[in-house]
Amino acid sequence: MKKIEAVIKPFKLDEVREAVTALGCSGLTVTEVKGFGRQKGHT
């Protein structure tokens, strides 16, 4: 078994949830987080 952790844009959550449940996944956990990568924040 594997645990998939995906860090995504908040407005994409519903699309991701629908895509994952359509494959037969019975549950998932969602957490609101903050961070940065190459984007490095903005002004």
PDB file of all heavy atoms in Angstrom:
ATOM      1  N   MET A   1       0.837  -1.176   0.000  1.00  0.00           N
ATOM      2  CA  MET A   1       0.000   0.000   0.000  1.00  0.00           C
ATOM      3  C   MET A   1       0.883   1.240   0.000  1.00  0.00           C
ATOM      4  O   MET A   1       2.000   1.212   0.490  1.00  0.00           O
ATOM      5  CB  MET A   1      -0.908   0.012   1.227  1.00  0.00           C
ATOM      6  CG  MET A   1      -2.013  -1.012   1.169  1.00  0.00           C
ATOM      7  SD  MET A   1      -3.004  -1.021   2.668  1.00  0.00           S
ATOM      8  CE  MET A   1      -1.860  -1.756   3.811  1.00  0.00           C
ATOM      9  N   LYS A   2       0.325   2.311  -0.549  1.00  0.00           N
ATOM     10  CA  LYS A   2       1.038   3.581  -0.630  1.00  0.00           C
ATOM     11  C   LYS A   2       0.145   4.713  -0.155  1.00  0.00           C
ATOM     12  O   LYS A   2      -1.074   4.670  -0.298  1.00  0.00           O
ATOM     13  CB  LYS A   2       1.456   3.880  -2.072  1.00  0.00           C
ATOM     14  CG  LYS A   2       2.302   2.813  -2.726  1.00  0.00           C
ATOM     15  CD  LYS A   2       3.681   2.757  -2.149  1.00  0.00           C
ATOM     16  CE  LYS A   2       4.505   1.750  -2.944  1.00  0.00           C
ATOM     17  NZ  LYS A   2       5.685   1.331  -2.258  1.00  0.00           N
ATOM     18  N   LYS A   3       0.787   5.736   0.406  1.00  0.00           N
ATOM     19  CA  LYS A   3       0.083   6.954   0.785  1.00  0.00           C
ATOM     20  C   LYS A   3       0.490   8.033  -0.209  1.00  0.00           C
ATOM     21  O   LYS A   3       1.677   8.297  -0.407  1.00  0.00           O
ATOM     22  CB  LYS A   3       0.457   7.388   2.195  1.00  0.00           C
ATOM     23  CG  LYS A   3      -0.205   8.677   2.635  1.00  0.00           C
ATOM     24  CD  LYS A   3       0.240   9.036   4.039  1.00  0.00           C
ATOM     25  CE  LYS A   3      -0.419  10.305   4.508  1.00  0.00           C
ATOM     26  NZ  LYS A   3       0.077  10.693   5.834  1.00  0.00           N
ATOM     27  N   ILE A   4      -0.491   8.645  -0.837  1.00  0.00           N
ATOM     28  CA  ILE A   4      -0.249   9.730  -1.778  1.00  0.00           C
ATOM     29  C   ILE A   4      -0.574  11.035  -1.073  1.00  0.00           C
ATOM     30  O   ILE A   4      -1.676  11.193  -0.538  1.00  0.00           O
ATOM     31  CB  ILE A   4      -1.122   9.584  -3.033  1.00  0.00           C
ATOM     32  CG1 ILE A   4      -0.828   8.267  -3.741  1.00  0.00           C
ATOM     33  CG2 ILE A   4      -0.911  10.768  -3.978  1.00  0.00           C
ATOM     34  CD1 ILE A   4      -1.799   7.945  -4.855  1.00  0.00           C
ATOM     35  N   GLU A   5       0.384  11.952  -1.049  1.00  0.00           N
ATOM     36  CA  GLU A   5       0.162  13.294  -0.521  1.00  0.00           C
ATOM     37  C   GLU A   5       0.299  14.258  -1.688  1.00  0.00           C
ATOM     38  O   GLU A   5       1.361  14.331  -2.302  1.00  0.00           O
ATOM     39  CB  GLU A   5       1.182  13.643   0.564  1.00  0.00           C
ATOM     40  CG  GLU A   5       1.050  12.830   1.811  1.00  0.00           C
ATOM     41  CD  GLU A   5       2.027  13.248   2.902  1.00  0.00           C
ATOM     42  OE1 GLU A   5       2.847  14.157   2.662  1.00  0.00           O
ATOM     43  OE2 GLU A   5       1.956  12.664   3.991  1.00  0.00           O
ATOM     44  N   ALA A   6      -0.762  14.974  -1.994  1.00  0.00           N
ATOM     45  CA  ALA A   6      -0.748  15.937  -3.087  1.00  0.00           C
ATOM     46  C   ALA A   6      -0.991  17.326  -2.525  1.00  0.00           C
ATOM     47  O   ALA A   6      -1.982  17.554  -1.836  1.00  0.00           O
ATOM     48  CB  ALA A   6      -1.823  15.588  -4.115  1.00  0.00           C
ATOM     49  N   VAL A   7      -0.081  18.240  -2.806  1.00  0.00           N
ATOM     50  CA  VAL A   7      -0.238  19.631  -2.401  1.00  0.00           C
ATOM     51  C   VAL A   7      -0.673  20.395  -3.644  1.00  0.00           C
ATOM     52  O   VAL A   7       0.059  20.448  -4.641  1.00  0.00           O
ATOM     53  CB  VAL A   7       1.083  20.205  -1.833  1.00  0.00           C
ATOM     54  CG1 VAL A   7       0.894  21.659  -1.429  1.00  0.00           C
ATOM     55  CG2 VAL A   7       1.550  19.375  -0.645  1.00  0.00           C
ATOM     56  N   ILE A   8      -1.889  20.945  -3.606  1.00  0.00           N
ATOM     57  CA  ILE A   8      -2.499  21.536  -4.802  1.00  0.00           C
ATOM     58  C   ILE A   8      -3.056  22.924  -4.498  1.00  0.00           C
ATOM     59  O   ILE A   8      -3.132  23.333  -3.349  1.00  0.00           O
ATOM     60  CB  ILE A   8      -3.628  20.628  -5.335  1.00  0.00           C
ATOM     61  CG1 ILE A   8      -4.734  20.472  -4.281  1.00  0.00           C
ATOM     62  CG2 ILE A   8      -3.075  19.264  -5.759  1.00  0.00           C
ATOM     63  CD1 ILE A   8      -5.983  19.791  -4.783  1.00  0.00           C
ATOM     64  N   LYS A   9      -3.482  23.595  -5.558  1.00  0.00           N
ATOM     65  CA  LYS A   9      -4.155  24.890  -5.392  1.00  0.00           C
ATOM     66  C   LYS A   9      -5.555  24.652  -4.819  1.00  0.00           C
ATOM     67  O   LYS A   9      -6.236  23.697  -5.208  1.00  0.00           O
ATOM     68  CB  LYS A   9      -4.252  25.605  -6.735  1.00  0.00           C
ATOM     69  CG  LYS A   9      -2.894  26.051  -7.256  1.00  0.00           C
ATOM     70  CD  LYS A   9      -3.020  26.817  -8.549  1.00  0.00           C
ATOM     71  CE  LYS A   9      -1.664  27.330  -8.978  1.00  0.00           C
ATOM     72  NZ  LYS A   9      -1.713  28.156 -10.185  1.00  0.00           N
ATOM     73  N   PRO A  10      -5.994  25.507  -3.902  1.00  0.00           N
ATOM     74  CA  PRO A  10      -7.278  25.273  -3.225  1.00  0.00           C
ATOM     75  C   PRO A  10      -8.481  25.164  -4.154  1.00  0.00           C
ATOM     76  O   PRO A  10      -9.374  24.344  -3.916  1.00  0.00           O
ATOM     77  CB  PRO A  10      -7.418  26.485  -2.303  1.00  0.00           C
ATOM     78  CG  PRO A  10      -6.027  26.944  -2.062  1.00  0.00           C
ATOM     79  CD  PRO A  10      -5.283  26.656  -3.336  1.00  0.00           C
ATOM     80  N   PHE A  11      -8.525  25.937  -5.230  1.00  0.00           N
ATOM     81  CA  PHE A  11      -9.700  25.906  -6.095  1.00  0.00           C
ATOM     82  C   PHE A  11      -9.777  24.645  -6.941  1.00  0.00           C
ATOM     83  O   PHE A  11     -10.782  24.387  -7.602  1.00  0.00           O
ATOM     84  CB  PHE A  11      -9.767  27.165  -6.980  1.00  0.00           C
ATOM     85  CG  PHE A  11      -8.668  27.275  -8.001  1.00  0.00           C
ATOM     86  CD1 PHE A  11      -8.810  26.717  -9.254  1.00  0.00           C
ATOM     87  CD2 PHE A  11      -7.499  27.955  -7.699  1.00  0.00           C
ATOM     88  CE1 PHE A  11      -7.809  26.823 -10.201  1.00  0.00           C
ATOM     89  CE2 PHE A  11      -6.490  28.079  -8.641  1.00  0.00           C
ATOM     90  CZ  PHE A  11      -6.642  27.511  -9.889  1.00  0.00           C
ATOM     91  N   LYS A  12      -8.749  23.798  -6.897  1.00  0.00           N
ATOM     92  CA  LYS A  12      -8.746  22.534  -7.640  1.00  0.00           C
ATOM     93  C   LYS A  12      -9.204  21.354  -6.782  1.00  0.00           C
ATOM     94  O   LYS A  12      -9.273  20.227  -7.260  1.00  0.00           O
ATOM     95  CB  LYS A  12      -7.347  22.248  -8.189  1.00  0.00           C
ATOM     96  CG  LYS A  12      -6.967  23.135  -9.354  1.00  0.00           C
ATOM     97  CD  LYS A  12      -7.872  22.833 -10.517  1.00  0.00           C
ATOM     98  CE  LYS A  12      -7.321  23.278 -11.834  1.00  0.00           C
ATOM     99  NZ  LYS A  12      -8.149  22.764 -12.930  1.00  0.00           N
ATOM    100  N   LEU A  13      -9.530  21.608  -5.517  1.00  0.00           N
ATOM    101  CA  LEU A  13      -9.869  20.520  -4.600  1.00  0.00           C
ATOM    102  C   LEU A  13     -11.061  19.699  -5.066  1.00  0.00           C
ATOM    103  O   LEU A  13     -11.015  18.473  -5.056  1.00  0.00           O
ATOM    104  CB  LEU A  13     -10.121  21.071  -3.190  1.00  0.00           C
ATOM    105  CG  LEU A  13     -10.562  20.041  -2.150  1.00  0.00           C
ATOM    106  CD1 LEU A  13      -9.518  18.948  -1.990  1.00  0.00           C
ATOM    107  CD2 LEU A  13     -10.847  20.721  -0.826  1.00  0.00           C
ATOM    108  N   ASP A  14     -12.146  20.330  -5.469  1.00  0.00           N
ATOM    109  CA  ASP A  14     -13.338  19.578  -5.877  1.00  0.00           C
ATOM    110  C   ASP A  14     -13.059  18.694  -7.083  1.00  0.00           C
ATOM    111  O   ASP A  14     -13.515  17.548  -7.138  1.00  0.00           O
ATOM    112  CB  ASP A  14     -14.501  20.529  -6.171  1.00  0.00           C
ATOM    113  CG  ASP A  14     -15.115  21.102  -4.905  1.00  0.00           C
ATOM    114  OD1 ASP A  14     -15.005  20.455  -3.848  1.00  0.00           O
ATOM    115  OD2 ASP A  14     -15.692  22.199  -4.975  1.00  0.00           O
ATOM    116  N   GLU A  15     -12.292  19.206  -8.040  1.00  0.00           N
ATOM    117  CA  GLU A  15     -11.962  18.397  -9.221  1.00  0.00           C
ATOM    118  C   GLU A  15     -11.117  17.187  -8.839  1.00  0.00           C
ATOM    119  O   GLU A  15     -11.329  16.086  -9.347  1.00  0.00           O
ATOM    120  CB  GLU A  15     -11.215  19.246 -10.251  1.00  0.00           C
ATOM    121  CG  GLU A  15     -12.087  20.315 -10.895  1.00  0.00           C
ATOM    122  CD  GLU A  15     -11.275  21.203 -11.821  1.00  0.00           C
ATOM    123  OE1 GLU A  15     -10.552  20.664 -12.687  1.00  0.00           O
ATOM    124  OE2 GLU A  15     -11.367  22.440 -11.676  1.00  0.00           O
ATOM    125  N   VAL A  16     -10.153  17.383  -7.942  1.00  0.00           N
ATOM    126  CA  VAL A  16      -9.296  16.279  -7.505  1.00  0.00           C
ATOM    127  C   VAL A  16     -10.119  15.255  -6.737  1.00  0.00           C
ATOM    128  O   VAL A  16      -9.993  14.048  -6.950  1.00  0.00           O
ATOM    129  CB  VAL A  16      -8.120  16.809  -6.656  1.00  0.00           C
ATOM    130  CG1 VAL A  16      -7.383  15.666  -5.970  1.00  0.00           C
ATOM    131  CG2 VAL A  16      -7.166  17.616  -7.528  1.00  0.00           C
ATOM    132  N   ARG A  17     -10.996  15.718  -5.842  1.00  0.00           N
ATOM    133  CA  ARG A  17     -11.838  14.793  -5.072  1.00  0.00           C
ATOM    134  C   ARG A  17     -12.708  13.949  -5.996  1.00  0.00           C
ATOM    135  O   ARG A  17     -12.805  12.736  -5.837  1.00  0.00           O
ATOM    136  CB  ARG A  17     -12.721  15.564  -4.086  1.00  0.00           C
ATOM    137  CG  ARG A  17     -13.602  14.647  -3.237  1.00  0.00           C
ATOM    138  CD  ARG A  17     -14.605  15.419  -2.384  1.00  0.00           C
ATOM    139  NE  ARG A  17     -15.374  16.386  -3.138  1.00  0.00           N
ATOM    140  CZ  ARG A  17     -16.459  16.086  -3.888  1.00  0.00           C
ATOM    141  NH1 ARG A  17     -16.860  14.838  -3.982  1.00  0.00           N
ATOM    142  NH2 ARG A  17     -17.108  17.037  -4.525  1.00  0.00           N
ATOM    143  N   GLU A  18     -13.319  14.586  -6.974  1.00  0.00           N
ATOM    144  CA  GLU A  18     -14.169  13.853  -7.914  1.00  0.00           C
ATOM    145  C   GLU A  18     -13.365  12.836  -8.719  1.00  0.00           C
ATOM    146  O   GLU A  18     -13.815  11.708  -8.935  1.00  0.00           O
ATOM    147  CB  GLU A  18     -14.875  14.831  -8.851  1.00  0.00           C
ATOM    148  CG  GLU A  18     -15.948  15.656  -8.159  1.00  0.00           C
ATOM    149  CD  GLU A  18     -16.471  16.788  -9.022  1.00  0.00           C
ATOM    150  OE1 GLU A  18     -16.097  16.873 -10.210  1.00  0.00           O
ATOM    151  OE2 GLU A  18     -17.248  17.605  -8.497  1.00  0.00           O
ATOM    152  N   ALA A  19     -12.167  13.215  -9.147  1.00  0.00           N
ATOM    153  CA  ALA A  19     -11.330  12.310  -9.939  1.00  0.00           C
ATOM    154  C   ALA A  19     -10.893  11.096  -9.128  1.00  0.00           C
ATOM    155  O   ALA A  19     -10.899   9.964  -9.630  1.00  0.00           O
ATOM    156  CB  ALA A  19     -10.111  13.064 -10.471  1.00  0.00           C
ATOM    157  N   VAL A  20     -10.542  11.314  -7.868  1.00  0.00           N
ATOM    158  CA  VAL A  20     -10.073  10.222  -7.016  1.00  0.00           C
ATOM    159  C   VAL A  20     -11.223   9.292  -6.639  1.00  0.00           C
ATOM    160  O   VAL A  20     -11.080   8.064  -6.679  1.00  0.00           O
ATOM    161  CB  VAL A  20      -9.370  10.798  -5.760  1.00  0.00           C
ATOM    162  CG1 VAL A  20      -9.108   9.721  -4.736  1.00  0.00           C
ATOM    163  CG2 VAL A  20      -8.074  11.478  -6.155  1.00  0.00           C
ATOM    164  N   THR A  21     -12.377   9.847  -6.288  1.00  0.00           N
ATOM    165  CA  THR A  21     -13.503   8.988  -5.915  1.00  0.00           C
ATOM    166  C   THR A  21     -14.061   8.237  -7.123  1.00  0.00           C
ATOM    167  O   THR A  21     -14.585   7.144  -6.971  1.00  0.00           O
ATOM    168  CB  THR A  21     -14.629   9.791  -5.229  1.00  0.00           C
ATOM    169  OG1 THR A  21     -15.012  10.879  -6.059  1.00  0.00           O
ATOM    170  CG2 THR A  21     -14.162  10.324  -3.883  1.00  0.00           C
ATOM    171  N   ALA A  22     -13.926   8.801  -8.316  1.00  0.00           N
ATOM    172  CA  ALA A  22     -14.380   8.102  -9.526  1.00  0.00           C
ATOM    173  C   ALA A  22     -13.575   6.827  -9.776  1.00  0.00           C
ATOM    174  O   ALA A  22     -14.065   5.893 -10.421  1.00  0.00           O
ATOM    175  CB  ALA A  22     -14.284   9.025 -10.738  1.00  0.00           C
ATOM    176  N   LEU A  23     -12.358   6.770  -9.246  1.00  0.00           N
ATOM    177  CA  LEU A  23     -11.522   5.580  -9.405  1.00  0.00           C
ATOM    178  C   LEU A  23     -11.817   4.517  -8.345  1.00  0.00           C
ATOM    179  O   LEU A  23     -11.248   3.436  -8.379  1.00  0.00           O
ATOM    180  CB  LEU A  23     -10.045   5.962  -9.338  1.00  0.00           C
ATOM    181  CG  LEU A  23      -9.512   6.757 -10.519  1.00  0.00           C
ATOM    182  CD1 LEU A  23      -8.068   7.175 -10.264  1.00  0.00           C
ATOM    183  CD2 LEU A  23      -9.607   5.945 -11.798  1.00  0.00           C
ATOM    184  N   GLY A  24     -12.662   4.850  -7.380  1.00  0.00           N
ATOM    185  CA  GLY A  24     -13.031   3.880  -6.363  1.00  0.00           C
ATOM    186  C   GLY A  24     -12.357   4.069  -5.025  1.00  0.00           C
ATOM    187  O   GLY A  24     -12.491   3.212  -4.143  1.00  0.00           O
ATOM    188  N   CYS A  25     -11.636   5.153  -4.831  1.00  0.00           N
ATOM    189  CA  CYS A  25     -11.037   5.420  -3.520  1.00  0.00           C
ATOM    190  C   CYS A  25     -12.158   5.758  -2.548  1.00  0.00           C
ATOM    191  O   CYS A  25     -13.003   6.603  -2.832  1.00  0.00           O
ATOM    192  CB  CYS A  25     -10.041   6.568  -3.604  1.00  0.00           C
ATOM    193  SG  CYS A  25      -8.579   6.162  -4.559  1.00  0.00           S
ATOM    194  N   SER A  26     -12.153   5.114  -1.396  1.00  0.00           N
ATOM    195  CA  SER A  26     -13.269   5.259  -0.473  1.00  0.00           C
ATOM    196  C   SER A  26     -13.145   6.446   0.464  1.00  0.00           C
ATOM    197  O   SER A  26     -14.106   6.796   1.130  1.00  0.00           O
ATOM    198  CB  SER A  26     -13.426   3.982   0.349  1.00  0.00           C
ATOM    199  OG  SER A  26     -12.233   3.720   1.056  1.00  0.00           O
ATOM    200  N   GLY A  27     -11.977   7.057   0.545  1.00  0.00           N
ATOM    201  CA  GLY A  27     -11.832   8.193   1.440  1.00  0.00           C
ATOM    202  C   GLY A  27     -10.549   8.939   1.203  1.00  0.00           C
ATOM    203  O   GLY A  27      -9.620   8.430   0.583  1.00  0.00           O
ATOM    204  N   LEU A  28     -10.520  10.169   1.683  1.00  0.00           N
ATOM    205  CA  LEU A  28      -9.314  10.970   1.612  1.00  0.00           C
ATOM    206  C   LEU A  28      -9.333  11.993   2.734  1.00  0.00           C
ATOM    207  O   LEU A  28     -10.365  12.243   3.335  1.00  0.00           O
ATOM    208  CB  LEU A  28      -9.145  11.655   0.253  1.00  0.00           C
ATOM    209  CG  LEU A  28     -10.276  12.519  -0.311  1.00  0.00           C
ATOM    210  CD1 LEU A  28     -10.177  13.944   0.177  1.00  0.00           C
ATOM    211  CD2 LEU A  28     -10.178  12.515  -1.822  1.00  0.00           C
ATOM    212  N   THR A  29      -8.179  12.558   3.014  1.00  0.00           N
ATOM    213  CA  THR A  29      -8.039  13.559   4.064  1.00  0.00           C
ATOM    214  C   THR A  29      -7.551  14.848   3.428  1.00  0.00           C
ATOM    215  O   THR A  29      -6.659  14.826   2.583  1.00  0.00           O
ATOM    216  CB  THR A  29      -7.026  13.098   5.134  1.00  0.00           C
ATOM    217  OG1 THR A  29      -7.472  11.863   5.671  1.00  0.00           O
ATOM    218  CG2 THR A  29      -6.896  14.117   6.248  1.00  0.00           C
ATOM    219  N   VAL A  30      -8.143  15.969   3.834  1.00  0.00           N
ATOM    220  CA  VAL A  30      -7.787  17.273   3.279  1.00  0.00           C
ATOM    221  C   VAL A  30      -7.349  18.187   4.415  1.00  0.00           C
ATOM    222  O   VAL A  30      -8.014  18.259   5.449  1.00  0.00           O
ATOM    223  CB  VAL A  30      -8.985  17.897   2.532  1.00  0.00           C
ATOM    224  CG1 VAL A  30      -8.644  19.284   2.025  1.00  0.00           C
ATOM    225  CG2 VAL A  30      -9.422  17.002   1.390  1.00  0.00           C
ATOM    226  N   THR A  31      -6.235  18.877   4.198  1.00  0.00           N
ATOM    227  CA  THR A  31      -5.712  19.822   5.181  1.00  0.00           C
ATOM    228  C   THR A  31      -5.375  21.123   4.473  1.00  0.00           C
ATOM    229  O   THR A  31      -4.759  21.104   3.406  1.00  0.00           O
ATOM    230  CB  THR A  31      -4.423  19.277   5.840  1.00  0.00           C
ATOM    231  OG1 THR A  31      -4.641  17.950   6.289  1.00  0.00           O
ATOM    232  CG2 THR A  31      -3.997  20.143   6.995  1.00  0.00           C
ATOM    233  N   GLU A  32      -5.775  22.246   5.062  1.00  0.00           N
ATOM    234  CA  GLU A  32      -5.372  23.541   4.519  1.00  0.00           C
ATOM    235  C   GLU A  32      -3.964  23.825   5.019  1.00  0.00           C
ATOM    236  O   GLU A  32      -3.692  23.762   6.222  1.00  0.00           O
ATOM    237  CB  GLU A  32      -6.326  24.639   4.988  1.00  0.00           C
ATOM    238  CG  GLU A  32      -7.711  24.512   4.377  1.00  0.00           C
ATOM    239  CD  GLU A  32      -8.644  25.628   4.812  1.00  0.00           C
ATOM    240  OE1 GLU A  32      -8.169  26.625   5.397  1.00  0.00           O
ATOM    241  OE2 GLU A  32      -9.838  25.492   4.565  1.00  0.00           O
ATOM    242  N   VAL A  33      -3.059  24.121   4.078  1.00  0.00           N
ATOM    243  CA  VAL A  33      -1.659  24.369   4.417  1.00  0.00           C
ATOM    244  C   VAL A  33      -1.181  25.639   3.731  1.00  0.00           C
ATOM    245  O   VAL A  33      -1.877  26.193   2.877  1.00  0.00           O
ATOM    246  CB  VAL A  33      -0.761  23.171   4.014  1.00  0.00           C
ATOM    247  CG1 VAL A  33      -1.111  21.935   4.805  1.00  0.00           C
ATOM    248  CG2 VAL A  33      -0.845  22.905   2.527  1.00  0.00           C
ATOM    249  N   LYS A  34      -0.010  26.097   4.112  1.00  0.00           N
ATOM    250  CA  LYS A  34       0.630  27.235   3.452  1.00  0.00           C
ATOM    251  C   LYS A  34       2.055  26.842   3.123  1.00  0.00           C
ATOM    252  O   LYS A  34       2.679  26.089   3.870  1.00  0.00           O
ATOM    253  CB  LYS A  34       0.635  28.465   4.352  1.00  0.00           C
ATOM    254  CG  LYS A  34      -0.719  29.052   4.598  1.00  0.00           C
ATOM    255  CD  LYS A  34      -0.612  30.295   5.441  1.00  0.00           C
ATOM    256  CE  LYS A  34      -1.996  30.877   5.663  1.00  0.00           C
ATOM    257  NZ  LYS A  34      -1.942  32.165   6.330  1.00  0.00           N
ATOM    258  N   GLY A  35       2.573  27.375   2.031  1.00  0.00           N
ATOM    259  CA  GLY A  35       3.945  27.058   1.675  1.00  0.00           C
ATOM    260  C   GLY A  35       4.366  27.770   0.404  1.00  0.00           C
ATOM    261  O   GLY A  35       3.629  28.586  -0.150  1.00  0.00           O
ATOM    262  N   PHE A  36       5.575  27.438  -0.035  1.00  0.00           N
ATOM    263  CA  PHE A  36       6.058  27.970  -1.297  1.00  0.00           C
ATOM    264  C   PHE A  36       7.071  27.011  -1.883  1.00  0.00           C
ATOM    265  O   PHE A  36       7.678  26.210  -1.189  1.00  0.00           O
ATOM    266  CB  PHE A  36       6.678  29.374  -1.128  1.00  0.00           C
ATOM    267  CG  PHE A  36       7.980  29.376  -0.384  1.00  0.00           C
ATOM    268  CD1 PHE A  36       9.183  29.254  -1.066  1.00  0.00           C
ATOM    269  CD2 PHE A  36       8.007  29.497   0.987  1.00  0.00           C
ATOM    270  CE1 PHE A  36      10.385  29.259  -0.390  1.00  0.00           C
ATOM    271  CE2 PHE A  36       9.202  29.511   1.679  1.00  0.00           C
ATOM    272  CZ  PHE A  36      10.401  29.382   0.986  1.00  0.00           C
ATOM    273  N   GLY A  37       7.238  27.100  -3.172  1.00  0.00           N
ATOM    274  CA  GLY A  37       8.239  26.330  -3.890  1.00  0.00           C
ATOM    275  C   GLY A  37       8.943  27.286  -4.827  1.00  0.00           C
ATOM    276  O   GLY A  37       9.409  28.343  -4.417  1.00  0.00           O
ATOM    277  N   ARG A  38       8.962  26.945  -6.095  1.00  0.00           N
ATOM    278  CA  ARG A  38       9.566  27.832  -7.087  1.00  0.00           C
ATOM    279  C   ARG A  38       8.816  29.146  -7.208  1.00  0.00           C
ATOM    280  O   ARG A  38       9.361  30.142  -7.625  1.00  0.00           O
ATOM    281  CB  ARG A  38       9.598  27.154  -8.446  1.00  0.00           C
ATOM    282  CG  ARG A  38      10.584  26.033  -8.514  1.00  0.00           C
ATOM    283  CD  ARG A  38      10.668  25.497  -9.904  1.00  0.00           C
ATOM    284  NE  ARG A  38      11.578  24.373  -9.955  1.00  0.00           N
ATOM    285  CZ  ARG A  38      11.647  23.547 -10.954  1.00  0.00           C
ATOM    286  NH1 ARG A  38      10.875  23.702 -12.000  1.00  0.00           N
ATOM    287  NH2 ARG A  38      12.507  22.547 -10.937  1.00  0.00           N
ATOM    288  N   GLN A  39       7.558  29.127  -6.828  1.00  0.00           N
ATOM    289  CA  GLN A  39       6.719  30.316  -6.942  1.00  0.00           C
ATOM    290  C   GLN A  39       7.233  31.442  -6.038  1.00  0.00           C
ATOM    291  O   GLN A  39       7.080  32.610  -6.345  1.00  0.00           O
ATOM    292  CB  GLN A  39       5.283  29.950  -6.561  1.00  0.00           C
ATOM    293  CG  GLN A  39       4.237  30.821  -7.169  1.00  0.00           C
ATOM    294  CD  GLN A  39       2.845  30.257  -6.900  1.00  0.00           C
ATOM    295  OE1 GLN A  39       2.670  29.245  -6.237  1.00  0.00           O
ATOM    296  NE2 GLN A  39       1.851  30.921  -7.418  1.00  0.00           N
ATOM    297  N   LYS A  40       7.840  31.093  -4.923  1.00  0.00           N
ATOM    298  CA  LYS A  40       8.488  32.030  -3.998  1.00  0.00           C
ATOM    299  C   LYS A  40       7.578  33.128  -3.470  1.00  0.00           C
ATOM    300  O   LYS A  40       8.028  34.214  -3.161  1.00  0.00           O
ATOM    301  CB  LYS A  40       9.704  32.681  -4.662  1.00  0.00           C
ATOM    302  CG  LYS A  40      10.756  31.714  -5.113  1.00  0.00           C
ATOM    303  CD  LYS A  40      11.693  31.355  -3.987  1.00  0.00           C
ATOM    304  CE  LYS A  40      12.919  30.667  -4.486  1.00  0.00           C
ATOM    305  NZ  LYS A  40      12.766  29.257  -4.721  1.00  0.00           N
ATOM    306  N   GLY A  41       6.289  32.895  -3.394  1.00  0.00           N
ATOM    307  CA  GLY A  41       5.376  33.919  -2.896  1.00  0.00           C
ATOM    308  C   GLY A  41       5.196  35.033  -3.910  1.00  0.00           C
ATOM    309  O   GLY A  41       5.580  34.919  -5.064  1.00  0.00           O
ATOM    310  N   HIS A  42       4.616  36.134  -3.478  1.00  0.00           N
ATOM    311  CA  HIS A  42       4.406  37.274  -4.367  1.00  0.00           C
ATOM    312  C   HIS A  42       4.132  38.528  -3.536  1.00  0.00           C
ATOM    313  O   HIS A  42       3.955  38.452  -2.332  1.00  0.00           O
ATOM    314  CB  HIS A  42       3.250  36.995  -5.335  1.00  0.00           C
ATOM    315  CG  HIS A  42       1.927  36.788  -4.672  1.00  0.00           C
ATOM    316  ND1 HIS A  42       1.554  35.587  -4.113  1.00  0.00           N
ATOM    317  CD2 HIS A  42       0.905  37.643  -4.440  1.00  0.00           C
ATOM    318  CE1 HIS A  42       0.350  35.715  -3.586  1.00  0.00           C
ATOM    319  NE2 HIS A  42      -0.067  36.948  -3.759  1.00  0.00           N
ATOM    320  N   THR A  43       4.103  39.670  -4.213  1.00  0.00           N
ATOM    321  CA  THR A  43       3.778  40.915  -3.526  1.00  0.00           C
ATOM    322  C   THR A  43       2.348  41.310  -3.859  1.00  0.00           C
ATOM    323  O   THR A  43       1.865  41.053  -4.959  1.00  0.00           O
ATOM    324  CB  THR A  43       4.736  42.055  -3.936  1.00  0.00           C
ATOM    325  OG1 THR A  43       4.650  42.241  -5.344  1.00  0.00           O
ATOM    326  CG2 THR A  43       6.158  41.731  -3.550  1.00  0.00           C
TER     327      THR A  43
END
